[in-house]
């Protein structure tokens, strides 16, 4: 794997796409958390906010965050609006902690 040094190009542009097929026995590792599995299907900015929530919020606040996120995603609002709303929500909950 090559180290990414150029900031004007993404890794795929520099190194080419990863053409290797996934192993046939590719399955979640034992003990993997469900959130890690969901993160694979989550857009990168949303996954970043999820990681921030997991690392900064109490378990009760994290439950509130996940419920709020589910409601926002179910409404199928603009992604930018969802991201900004969830970012503010996590910041507010983490400050109360």
PDB file of N, CA and C in Angstrom:
ATOM      1  N   UNK A   1       0.851  -1.176   0.000  1.00  0.00           N
ATOM      2  CA  UNK A   1       0.000   0.000   0.000  1.00  0.00           C
ATOM      3  C   UNK A   1       0.895   1.236   0.000  1.00  0.00           C
ATOM      4  N   UNK A   2       0.615   2.160  -0.864  1.00  0.00           N
ATOM      5  CA  UNK A   2       1.421   3.366  -0.968  1.00  0.00           C
ATOM      6  C   UNK A   2       0.928   4.417   0.010  1.00  0.00           C
ATOM      7  N   UNK A   3       1.845   5.227   0.486  1.00  0.00           N
ATOM      8  CA  UNK A   3       1.494   6.313   1.394  1.00  0.00           C
ATOM      9  C   UNK A   3       0.959   7.480   0.578  1.00  0.00           C
ATOM     10  N   UNK A   4      -0.146   8.077   1.011  1.00  0.00           N
ATOM     11  CA  UNK A   4      -0.760   9.193   0.300  1.00  0.00           C
ATOM     12  C   UNK A   4      -0.110  10.498   0.740  1.00  0.00           C
ATOM     13  N   UNK A   5       0.619  11.141  -0.178  1.00  0.00           N
ATOM     14  CA  UNK A   5       1.300  12.379   0.163  1.00  0.00           C
ATOM     15  C   UNK A   5       0.696  13.589  -0.537  1.00  0.00           C
ATOM     16  N   UNK A   6       0.118  13.403  -1.687  1.00  0.00           N
ATOM     17  CA  UNK A   6      -0.390  14.531  -2.456  1.00  0.00           C
ATOM     18  C   UNK A   6      -1.795  14.864  -2.001  1.00  0.00           C
ATOM     19  N   UNK A   7      -2.006  16.109  -1.567  1.00  0.00           N
ATOM     20  CA  UNK A   7      -3.312  16.501  -1.051  1.00  0.00           C
ATOM     21  C   UNK A   7      -4.286  16.863  -2.166  1.00  0.00           C
ATOM     22  N   UNK A   8      -3.782  17.096  -3.380  1.00  0.00           N
ATOM     23  CA  UNK A   8      -4.655  17.487  -4.469  1.00  0.00           C
ATOM     24  C   UNK A   8      -5.271  16.292  -5.198  1.00  0.00           C
ATOM     25  N   UNK A   9      -4.861  15.092  -4.856  1.00  0.00           N
ATOM     26  CA  UNK A   9      -5.390  13.882  -5.473  1.00  0.00           C
ATOM     27  C   UNK A   9      -5.791  12.904  -4.377  1.00  0.00           C
ATOM     28  N   UNK A  10      -6.863  12.160  -4.613  1.00  0.00           N
ATOM     29  CA  UNK A  10      -7.205  11.144  -3.627  1.00  0.00           C
ATOM     30  C   UNK A  10      -6.377   9.891  -3.888  1.00  0.00           C
ATOM     31  N   UNK A  11      -6.375   8.987  -2.956  1.00  0.00           N
ATOM     32  CA  UNK A  11      -5.537   7.788  -3.043  1.00  0.00           C
ATOM     33  C   UNK A  11      -5.848   6.965  -4.288  1.00  0.00           C
ATOM     34  N   UNK A  12      -7.117   6.864  -4.643  1.00  0.00           N
ATOM     35  CA  UNK A  12      -7.489   6.057  -5.798  1.00  0.00           C
ATOM     36  C   UNK A  12      -6.928   6.655  -7.081  1.00  0.00           C
ATOM     37  N   UNK A  13      -6.910   8.003  -7.183  1.00  0.00           N
ATOM     38  CA  UNK A  13      -6.353   8.640  -8.369  1.00  0.00           C
ATOM     39  C   UNK A  13      -4.854   8.377  -8.478  1.00  0.00           C
ATOM     40  N   UNK A  14      -4.153   8.353  -7.349  1.00  0.00           N
ATOM     41  CA  UNK A  14      -2.713   8.140  -7.353  1.00  0.00           C
ATOM     42  C   UNK A  14      -2.350   6.676  -7.524  1.00  0.00           C
ATOM     43  N   UNK A  15      -3.037   5.805  -6.823  1.00  0.00           N
ATOM     44  CA  UNK A  15      -2.638   4.404  -6.757  1.00  0.00           C
ATOM     45  C   UNK A  15      -3.500   3.482  -7.598  1.00  0.00           C
ATOM     46  N   UNK A  16      -4.604   3.961  -8.125  1.00  0.00           N
ATOM     47  CA  UNK A  16      -5.519   3.126  -8.881  1.00  0.00           C
ATOM     48  C   UNK A  16      -6.524   2.472  -7.946  1.00  0.00           C
ATOM     49  N   UNK A  17      -7.634   2.020  -8.478  1.00  0.00           N
ATOM     50  CA  UNK A  17      -8.656   1.399  -7.630  1.00  0.00           C
ATOM     51  C   UNK A  17      -8.175   0.073  -7.064  1.00  0.00           C
ATOM     52  N   UNK A  18      -8.782  -0.332  -5.999  1.00  0.00           N
ATOM     53  CA  UNK A  18      -8.474  -1.617  -5.382  1.00  0.00           C
ATOM     54  C   UNK A  18      -9.278  -2.671  -6.132  1.00  0.00           C
ATOM     55  N   UNK A  19      -8.631  -3.364  -7.051  1.00  0.00           N
ATOM     56  CA  UNK A  19      -9.316  -4.331  -7.901  1.00  0.00           C
ATOM     57  C   UNK A  19      -9.368  -5.731  -7.319  1.00  0.00           C
ATOM     58  N   UNK A  20      -8.799  -5.911  -6.147  1.00  0.00           N
ATOM     59  CA  UNK A  20      -8.803  -7.242  -5.551  1.00  0.00           C
ATOM     60  C   UNK A  20     -10.208  -7.608  -5.098  1.00  0.00           C
ATOM     61  N   UNK A  21     -10.682  -8.805  -5.454  1.00  0.00           N
ATOM     62  CA  UNK A  21     -12.006  -9.224  -4.981  1.00  0.00           C
ATOM     63  C   UNK A  21     -11.964  -9.517  -3.486  1.00  0.00           C
ATOM     64  N   UNK A  22     -13.101  -9.354  -2.866  1.00  0.00           N
ATOM     65  CA  UNK A  22     -13.192  -9.653  -1.438  1.00  0.00           C
ATOM     66  C   UNK A  22     -13.066 -11.153  -1.240  1.00  0.00           C
ATOM     67  N   UNK A  23     -12.433 -11.580  -0.155  1.00  0.00           N
ATOM     68  CA  UNK A  23     -12.331 -13.013   0.119  1.00  0.00           C
ATOM     69  C   UNK A  23     -13.721 -13.622   0.262  1.00  0.00           C
ATOM     70  N   UNK A  24     -13.841 -14.890  -0.162  1.00  0.00           N
ATOM     71  CA  UNK A  24     -15.141 -15.550  -0.096  1.00  0.00           C
ATOM     72  C   UNK A  24     -15.635 -15.719   1.325  1.00  0.00           C
ATOM     73  N   UNK A  25     -14.720 -15.823   2.267  1.00  0.00           N
ATOM     74  CA  UNK A  25     -15.119 -15.997   3.657  1.00  0.00           C
ATOM     75  C   UNK A  25     -15.160 -14.664   4.392  1.00  0.00           C
ATOM     76  N   UNK A  26     -15.279 -13.563   3.640  1.00  0.00           N
ATOM     77  CA  UNK A  26     -15.302 -12.242   4.276  1.00  0.00           C
ATOM     78  C   UNK A  26     -16.569 -12.117   5.106  1.00  0.00           C
ATOM     79  N   UNK A  27     -16.387 -12.048   6.366  1.00  0.00           N
ATOM     80  CA  UNK A  27     -17.496 -11.867   7.285  1.00  0.00           C
ATOM     81  C   UNK A  27     -16.996 -11.009   8.422  1.00  0.00           C
ATOM     82  N   UNK A  28     -17.911 -10.372   9.170  1.00  0.00           N
ATOM     83  CA  UNK A  28     -17.464  -9.549  10.280  1.00  0.00           C
ATOM     84  C   UNK A  28     -16.644 -10.379  11.258  1.00  0.00           C
ATOM     85  N   UNK A  29     -15.636  -9.781  11.806  1.00  0.00           N
ATOM     86  CA  UNK A  29     -14.817 -10.492  12.780  1.00  0.00           C
ATOM     87  C   UNK A  29     -15.629 -10.769  14.024  1.00  0.00           C
ATOM     88  N   UNK A  30     -15.264 -11.824  14.696  1.00  0.00           N
ATOM     89  CA  UNK A  30     -15.967 -12.151  15.923  1.00  0.00           C
ATOM     90  C   UNK A  30     -15.763 -11.030  16.915  1.00  0.00           C
ATOM     91  N   UNK A  31     -16.826 -10.644  17.589  1.00  0.00           N
ATOM     92  CA  UNK A  31     -16.744  -9.576  18.571  1.00  0.00           C
ATOM     93  C   UNK A  31     -16.866  -8.194  17.955  1.00  0.00           C
ATOM     94  N   UNK A  32     -17.065  -8.117  16.634  1.00  0.00           N
ATOM     95  CA  UNK A  32     -17.223  -6.802  16.013  1.00  0.00           C
ATOM     96  C   UNK A  32     -18.524  -6.180  16.498  1.00  0.00           C
ATOM     97  N   UNK A  33     -18.472  -4.907  16.753  1.00  0.00           N
ATOM     98  CA  UNK A  33     -19.660  -4.223  17.244  1.00  0.00           C
ATOM     99  C   UNK A  33     -20.607  -3.939  16.086  1.00  0.00           C
ATOM    100  N   UNK A  34     -21.917  -3.960  16.333  1.00  0.00           N
ATOM    101  CA  UNK A  34     -22.879  -3.685  15.266  1.00  0.00           C
ATOM    102  C   UNK A  34     -22.661  -2.315  14.639  1.00  0.00           C
ATOM    103  N   UNK A  35     -22.199  -1.343  15.406  1.00  0.00           N
ATOM    104  CA  UNK A  35     -21.977  -0.010  14.853  1.00  0.00           C
ATOM    105  C   UNK A  35     -20.888  -0.034  13.799  1.00  0.00           C
ATOM    106  N   UNK A  36     -19.894  -0.870  13.972  1.00  0.00           N
ATOM    107  CA  UNK A  36     -18.822  -0.970  12.987  1.00  0.00           C
ATOM    108  C   UNK A  36     -19.373  -1.532  11.678  1.00  0.00           C
ATOM    109  N   UNK A  37     -20.304  -2.475  11.764  1.00  0.00           N
ATOM    110  CA  UNK A  37     -20.914  -3.038  10.569  1.00  0.00           C
ATOM    111  C   UNK A  37     -21.766  -1.996   9.866  1.00  0.00           C
ATOM    112  N   UNK A  38     -22.514  -1.199  10.621  1.00  0.00           N
ATOM    113  CA  UNK A  38     -23.349  -0.168  10.025  1.00  0.00           C
ATOM    114  C   UNK A  38     -22.513   0.934   9.409  1.00  0.00           C
ATOM    115  N   UNK A  39     -21.341   1.203   9.947  1.00  0.00           N
ATOM    116  CA  UNK A  39     -20.493   2.275   9.439  1.00  0.00           C
ATOM    117  C   UNK A  39     -20.088   2.027   7.995  1.00  0.00           C
ATOM    118  N   UNK A  40     -20.006   0.765   7.579  1.00  0.00           N
ATOM    119  CA  UNK A  40     -19.634   0.450   6.202  1.00  0.00           C
ATOM    120  C   UNK A  40     -20.690   0.939   5.220  1.00  0.00           C
ATOM    121  N   UNK A  41     -21.945   1.012   5.643  1.00  0.00           N
ATOM    122  CA  UNK A  41     -23.027   1.470   4.782  1.00  0.00           C
ATOM    123  C   UNK A  41     -23.325   2.949   4.963  1.00  0.00           C
ATOM    124  N   UNK A  42     -22.594   3.625   5.823  1.00  0.00           N
ATOM    125  CA  UNK A  42     -22.867   5.004   6.172  1.00  0.00           C
ATOM    126  C   UNK A  42     -21.945   5.930   5.391  1.00  0.00           C
ATOM    127  N   UNK A  43     -22.483   7.033   4.835  1.00  0.00           N
ATOM    128  CA  UNK A  43     -21.608   7.993   4.161  1.00  0.00           C
ATOM    129  C   UNK A  43     -20.517   8.485   5.106  1.00  0.00           C
ATOM    130  N   UNK A  44     -19.353   8.800   4.562  1.00  0.00           N
ATOM    131  CA  UNK A  44     -18.189   9.156   5.365  1.00  0.00           C
ATOM    132  C   UNK A  44     -18.446  10.278   6.370  1.00  0.00           C
ATOM    133  N   UNK A  45     -19.037  11.421   5.995  1.00  0.00           N
ATOM    134  CA  UNK A  45     -19.251  12.466   7.007  1.00  0.00           C
ATOM    135  C   UNK A  45     -20.154  11.991   8.146  1.00  0.00           C
ATOM    136  N   UNK A  46     -21.161  11.209   7.820  1.00  0.00           N
ATOM    137  CA  UNK A  46     -22.055  10.691   8.847  1.00  0.00           C
ATOM    138  C   UNK A  46     -21.324   9.687   9.732  1.00  0.00           C
ATOM    139  N   UNK A  47     -20.471   8.884   9.150  1.00  0.00           N
ATOM    140  CA  UNK A  47     -19.670   7.941   9.931  1.00  0.00           C
ATOM    141  C   UNK A  47     -18.736   8.686  10.873  1.00  0.00           C
ATOM    142  N   UNK A  48     -18.226   9.830  10.431  1.00  0.00           N
ATOM    143  CA  UNK A  48     -17.354  10.646  11.281  1.00  0.00           C
ATOM    144  C   UNK A  48     -18.129  11.171  12.491  1.00  0.00           C
ATOM    145  N   UNK A  49     -19.346  11.640  12.256  1.00  0.00           N
ATOM    146  CA  UNK A  49     -20.174  12.131  13.364  1.00  0.00           C
ATOM    147  C   UNK A  49     -20.532  10.981  14.294  1.00  0.00           C
ATOM    148  N   UNK A  50     -20.828   9.805  13.737  1.00  0.00           N
ATOM    149  CA  UNK A  50     -21.111   8.629  14.562  1.00  0.00           C
ATOM    150  C   UNK A  50     -19.922   8.300  15.462  1.00  0.00           C
ATOM    151  N   UNK A  51     -18.727   8.333  14.896  1.00  0.00           N
ATOM    152  CA  UNK A  51     -17.525   8.035  15.681  1.00  0.00           C
ATOM    153  C   UNK A  51     -17.330   9.062  16.786  1.00  0.00           C
ATOM    154  N   UNK A  52     -17.590  10.318  16.471  1.00  0.00           N
ATOM    155  CA  UNK A  52     -17.492  11.372  17.479  1.00  0.00           C
ATOM    156  C   UNK A  52     -18.503  11.133  18.595  1.00  0.00           C
ATOM    157  N   UNK A  53     -19.717  10.757  18.227  1.00  0.00           N
ATOM    158  CA  UNK A  53     -20.756  10.490  19.221  1.00  0.00           C
ATOM    159  C   UNK A  53     -20.363   9.323  20.119  1.00  0.00           C
ATOM    160  N   UNK A  54     -19.870   8.248  19.519  1.00  0.00           N
ATOM    161  CA  UNK A  54     -19.479   7.064  20.291  1.00  0.00           C
ATOM    162  C   UNK A  54     -18.353   7.392  21.263  1.00  0.00           C
ATOM    163  N   UNK A  55     -17.415   8.226  20.823  1.00  0.00           N
ATOM    164  CA  UNK A  55     -16.250   8.512  21.669  1.00  0.00           C
ATOM    165  C   UNK A  55     -16.508   9.573  22.732  1.00  0.00           C
ATOM    166  N   UNK A  56     -17.537  10.398  22.561  1.00  0.00           N
ATOM    167  CA  UNK A  56     -17.732  11.500  23.511  1.00  0.00           C
ATOM    168  C   UNK A  56     -18.989  11.419  24.361  1.00  0.00           C
ATOM    169  N   UNK A  57     -19.968  10.653  23.951  1.00  0.00           N
ATOM    170  CA  UNK A  57     -21.248  10.660  24.655  1.00  0.00           C
ATOM    171  C   UNK A  57     -21.371   9.509  25.649  1.00  0.00           C
ATOM    172  N   UNK A  58     -22.158   9.759  26.685  1.00  0.00           N
ATOM    173  CA  UNK A  58     -22.489   8.690  27.627  1.00  0.00           C
ATOM    174  C   UNK A  58     -23.406   7.703  26.908  1.00  0.00           C
ATOM    175  N   UNK A  59     -23.609   6.541  27.488  1.00  0.00           N
ATOM    176  CA  UNK A  59     -24.457   5.538  26.829  1.00  0.00           C
ATOM    177  C   UNK A  59     -25.892   6.042  26.683  1.00  0.00           C
ATOM    178  N   UNK A  60     -26.381   6.783  27.667  1.00  0.00           N
ATOM    179  CA  UNK A  60     -27.739   7.334  27.586  1.00  0.00           C
ATOM    180  C   UNK A  60     -27.832   8.380  26.470  1.00  0.00           C
ATOM    181  N   UNK A  61     -26.851   9.265  26.403  1.00  0.00           N
ATOM    182  CA  UNK A  61     -26.841  10.291  25.362  1.00  0.00           C
ATOM    183  C   UNK A  61     -26.654   9.666  23.983  1.00  0.00           C
ATOM    184  N   UNK A  62     -25.855   8.615  23.897  1.00  0.00           N
ATOM    185  CA  UNK A  62     -25.643   7.933  22.624  1.00  0.00           C
ATOM    186  C   UNK A  62     -26.947   7.299  22.134  1.00  0.00           C
ATOM    187  N   UNK A  63     -27.723   6.752  23.041  1.00  0.00           N
ATOM    188  CA  UNK A  63     -29.024   6.184  22.682  1.00  0.00           C
ATOM    189  C   UNK A  63     -29.936   7.275  22.130  1.00  0.00           C
ATOM    190  N   UNK A  64     -29.939   8.439  22.767  1.00  0.00           N
ATOM    191  CA  UNK A  64     -30.742   9.574  22.284  1.00  0.00           C
ATOM    192  C   UNK A  64     -30.272  10.008  20.898  1.00  0.00           C
ATOM    193  N   UNK A  65     -28.955  10.070  20.717  1.00  0.00           N
ATOM    194  CA  UNK A  65     -28.382  10.458  19.422  1.00  0.00           C
ATOM    195  C   UNK A  65     -28.827   9.485  18.326  1.00  0.00           C
ATOM    196  N   UNK A  66     -28.732   8.185  18.601  1.00  0.00           N
ATOM    197  CA  UNK A  66     -29.086   7.184  17.594  1.00  0.00           C
ATOM    198  C   UNK A  66     -30.569   7.257  17.230  1.00  0.00           C
ATOM    199  N   UNK A  67     -31.419   7.501  18.218  1.00  0.00           N
ATOM    200  CA  UNK A  67     -32.850   7.628  17.946  1.00  0.00           C
ATOM    201  C   UNK A  67     -33.130   8.877  17.103  1.00  0.00           C
ATOM    202  N   UNK A  68     -32.487   9.979  17.454  1.00  0.00           N
ATOM    203  CA  UNK A  68     -32.664  11.231  16.715  1.00  0.00           C
ATOM    204  C   UNK A  68     -32.162  11.081  15.278  1.00  0.00           C
ATOM    205  N   UNK A  69     -31.033  10.428  15.113  1.00  0.00           N
ATOM    206  CA  UNK A  69     -30.466  10.196  13.782  1.00  0.00           C
ATOM    207  C   UNK A  69     -31.426   9.356  12.942  1.00  0.00           C
ATOM    208  N   UNK A  70     -32.006   8.328  13.534  1.00  0.00           N
ATOM    209  CA  UNK A  70     -32.946   7.467  12.806  1.00  0.00           C
ATOM    210  C   UNK A  70     -34.151   8.264  12.310  1.00  0.00           C
ATOM    211  N   UNK A  71     -34.649   9.163  13.150  1.00  0.00           N
ATOM    212  CA  UNK A  71     -35.793   9.992  12.756  1.00  0.00           C
ATOM    213  C   UNK A  71     -35.410  10.909  11.595  1.00  0.00           C
ATOM    214  N   UNK A  72     -34.250  11.548  11.706  1.00  0.00           N
ATOM    215  CA  UNK A  72     -33.807  12.451  10.635  1.00  0.00           C
ATOM    216  C   UNK A  72     -33.614  11.708   9.317  1.00  0.00           C
ATOM    217  N   UNK A  73     -32.999  10.537   9.373  1.00  0.00           N
ATOM    218  CA  UNK A  73     -32.774   9.764   8.152  1.00  0.00           C
ATOM    219  C   UNK A  73     -34.085   9.258   7.559  1.00  0.00           C
ATOM    220  N   UNK A  74     -35.044   8.924   8.404  1.00  0.00           N
ATOM    221  CA  UNK A  74     -36.340   8.443   7.922  1.00  0.00           C
ATOM    222  C   UNK A  74     -37.099   9.536   7.174  1.00  0.00           C
ATOM    223  N   UNK A  75     -36.860  10.775   7.553  1.00  0.00           N
ATOM    224  CA  UNK A  75     -37.532  11.897   6.885  1.00  0.00           C
ATOM    225  C   UNK A  75     -36.916  12.217   5.530  1.00  0.00           C
ATOM    226  N   UNK A  76     -35.776  11.609   5.232  1.00  0.00           N
ATOM    227  CA  UNK A  76     -35.085  11.788   3.953  1.00  0.00           C
ATOM    228  C   UNK A  76     -34.859  13.258   3.627  1.00  0.00           C
ATOM    229  N   UNK A  77     -34.368  14.000   4.600  1.00  0.00           N
ATOM    230  CA  UNK A  77     -34.043  15.409   4.399  1.00  0.00           C
ATOM    231  C   UNK A  77     -32.728  15.534   3.641  1.00  0.00           C
ATOM    232  N   UNK A  78     -32.374  16.750   3.323  1.00  0.00           N
ATOM    233  CA  UNK A  78     -31.102  17.053   2.675  1.00  0.00           C
ATOM    234  C   UNK A  78     -29.956  16.562   3.549  1.00  0.00           C
ATOM    235  N   UNK A  79     -28.973  15.886   2.935  1.00  0.00           N
ATOM    236  CA  UNK A  79     -27.864  15.307   3.696  1.00  0.00           C
ATOM    237  C   UNK A  79     -27.090  16.371   4.467  1.00  0.00           C
ATOM    238  N   UNK A  80     -26.882  17.531   3.867  1.00  0.00           N
ATOM    239  CA  UNK A  80     -26.143  18.603   4.547  1.00  0.00           C
ATOM    240  C   UNK A  80     -26.890  19.062   5.795  1.00  0.00           C
ATOM    241  N   UNK A  81     -28.208  19.136   5.709  1.00  0.00           N
ATOM    242  CA  UNK A  81     -29.008  19.539   6.863  1.00  0.00           C
ATOM    243  C   UNK A  81     -28.926  18.490   7.969  1.00  0.00           C
ATOM    244  N   UNK A  82     -28.961  17.220   7.593  1.00  0.00           N
ATOM    245  CA  UNK A  82     -28.850  16.141   8.580  1.00  0.00           C
ATOM    246  C   UNK A  82     -27.493  16.192   9.262  1.00  0.00           C
ATOM    247  N   UNK A  83     -26.435  16.371   8.475  1.00  0.00           N
ATOM    248  CA  UNK A  83     -25.083  16.415   9.038  1.00  0.00           C
ATOM    249  C   UNK A  83     -24.914  17.573  10.010  1.00  0.00           C
ATOM    250  N   UNK A  84     -25.388  18.750   9.636  1.00  0.00           N
ATOM    251  CA  UNK A  84     -25.227  19.898  10.532  1.00  0.00           C
ATOM    252  C   UNK A  84     -26.077  19.737  11.786  1.00  0.00           C
ATOM    253  N   UNK A  85     -27.282  19.207  11.638  1.00  0.00           N
ATOM    254  CA  UNK A  85     -28.151  18.996  12.793  1.00  0.00           C
ATOM    255  C   UNK A  85     -27.538  17.990  13.761  1.00  0.00           C
ATOM    256  N   UNK A  86     -27.038  16.878  13.239  1.00  0.00           N
ATOM    257  CA  UNK A  86     -26.438  15.861  14.107  1.00  0.00           C
ATOM    258  C   UNK A  86     -25.145  16.350  14.749  1.00  0.00           C
ATOM    259  N   UNK A  87     -24.361  17.128  14.017  1.00  0.00           N
ATOM    260  CA  UNK A  87     -23.131  17.683  14.587  1.00  0.00           C
ATOM    261  C   UNK A  87     -23.453  18.575  15.773  1.00  0.00           C
ATOM    262  N   UNK A  88     -24.422  19.460  15.605  1.00  0.00           N
ATOM    263  CA  UNK A  88     -24.828  20.340  16.709  1.00  0.00           C
ATOM    264  C   UNK A  88     -25.404  19.539  17.869  1.00  0.00           C
ATOM    265  N   UNK A  89     -26.167  18.503  17.559  1.00  0.00           N
ATOM    266  CA  UNK A  89     -26.764  17.667  18.594  1.00  0.00           C
ATOM    267  C   UNK A  89     -25.683  16.975  19.423  1.00  0.00           C
ATOM    268  N   UNK A  90     -24.668  16.419  18.758  1.00  0.00           N
ATOM    269  CA  UNK A  90     -23.567  15.753  19.465  1.00  0.00           C
ATOM    270  C   UNK A  90     -22.793  16.763  20.307  1.00  0.00           C
ATOM    271  N   UNK A  91     -22.519  17.937  19.751  1.00  0.00           N
ATOM    272  CA  UNK A  91     -21.798  18.964  20.506  1.00  0.00           C
ATOM    273  C   UNK A  91     -22.577  19.363  21.750  1.00  0.00           C
ATOM    274  N   UNK A  92     -23.874  19.553  21.596  1.00  0.00           N
ATOM    275  CA  UNK A  92     -24.706  19.944  22.730  1.00  0.00           C
ATOM    276  C   UNK A  92     -24.724  18.857  23.800  1.00  0.00           C
ATOM    277  N   UNK A  93     -24.911  17.611  23.394  1.00  0.00           N
ATOM    278  CA  UNK A  93     -24.944  16.518  24.366  1.00  0.00           C
ATOM    279  C   UNK A  93     -23.592  16.317  25.044  1.00  0.00           C
ATOM    280  N   UNK A  94     -22.505  16.483  24.303  1.00  0.00           N
ATOM    281  CA  UNK A  94     -21.181  16.278  24.903  1.00  0.00           C
ATOM    282  C   UNK A  94     -20.830  17.405  25.867  1.00  0.00           C
ATOM    283  N   UNK A  95     -21.331  18.613  25.633  1.00  0.00           N
ATOM    284  CA  UNK A  95     -21.089  19.724  26.557  1.00  0.00           C
ATOM    285  C   UNK A  95     -21.854  19.538  27.859  1.00  0.00           C
ATOM    286  N   UNK A  96     -22.989  18.882  27.797  1.00  0.00           N
ATOM    287  CA  UNK A  96     -23.790  18.635  29.008  1.00  0.00           C
ATOM    288  C   UNK A  96     -23.171  17.561  29.879  1.00  0.00           C
ATOM    289  N   UNK A  97     -22.343  16.745  29.309  1.00  0.00           N
ATOM    290  CA  UNK A  97     -21.736  15.612  30.000  1.00  0.00           C
ATOM    291  C   UNK A  97     -20.839  16.022  31.082  1.00  0.00           C
TER     292      UNK A  97
END
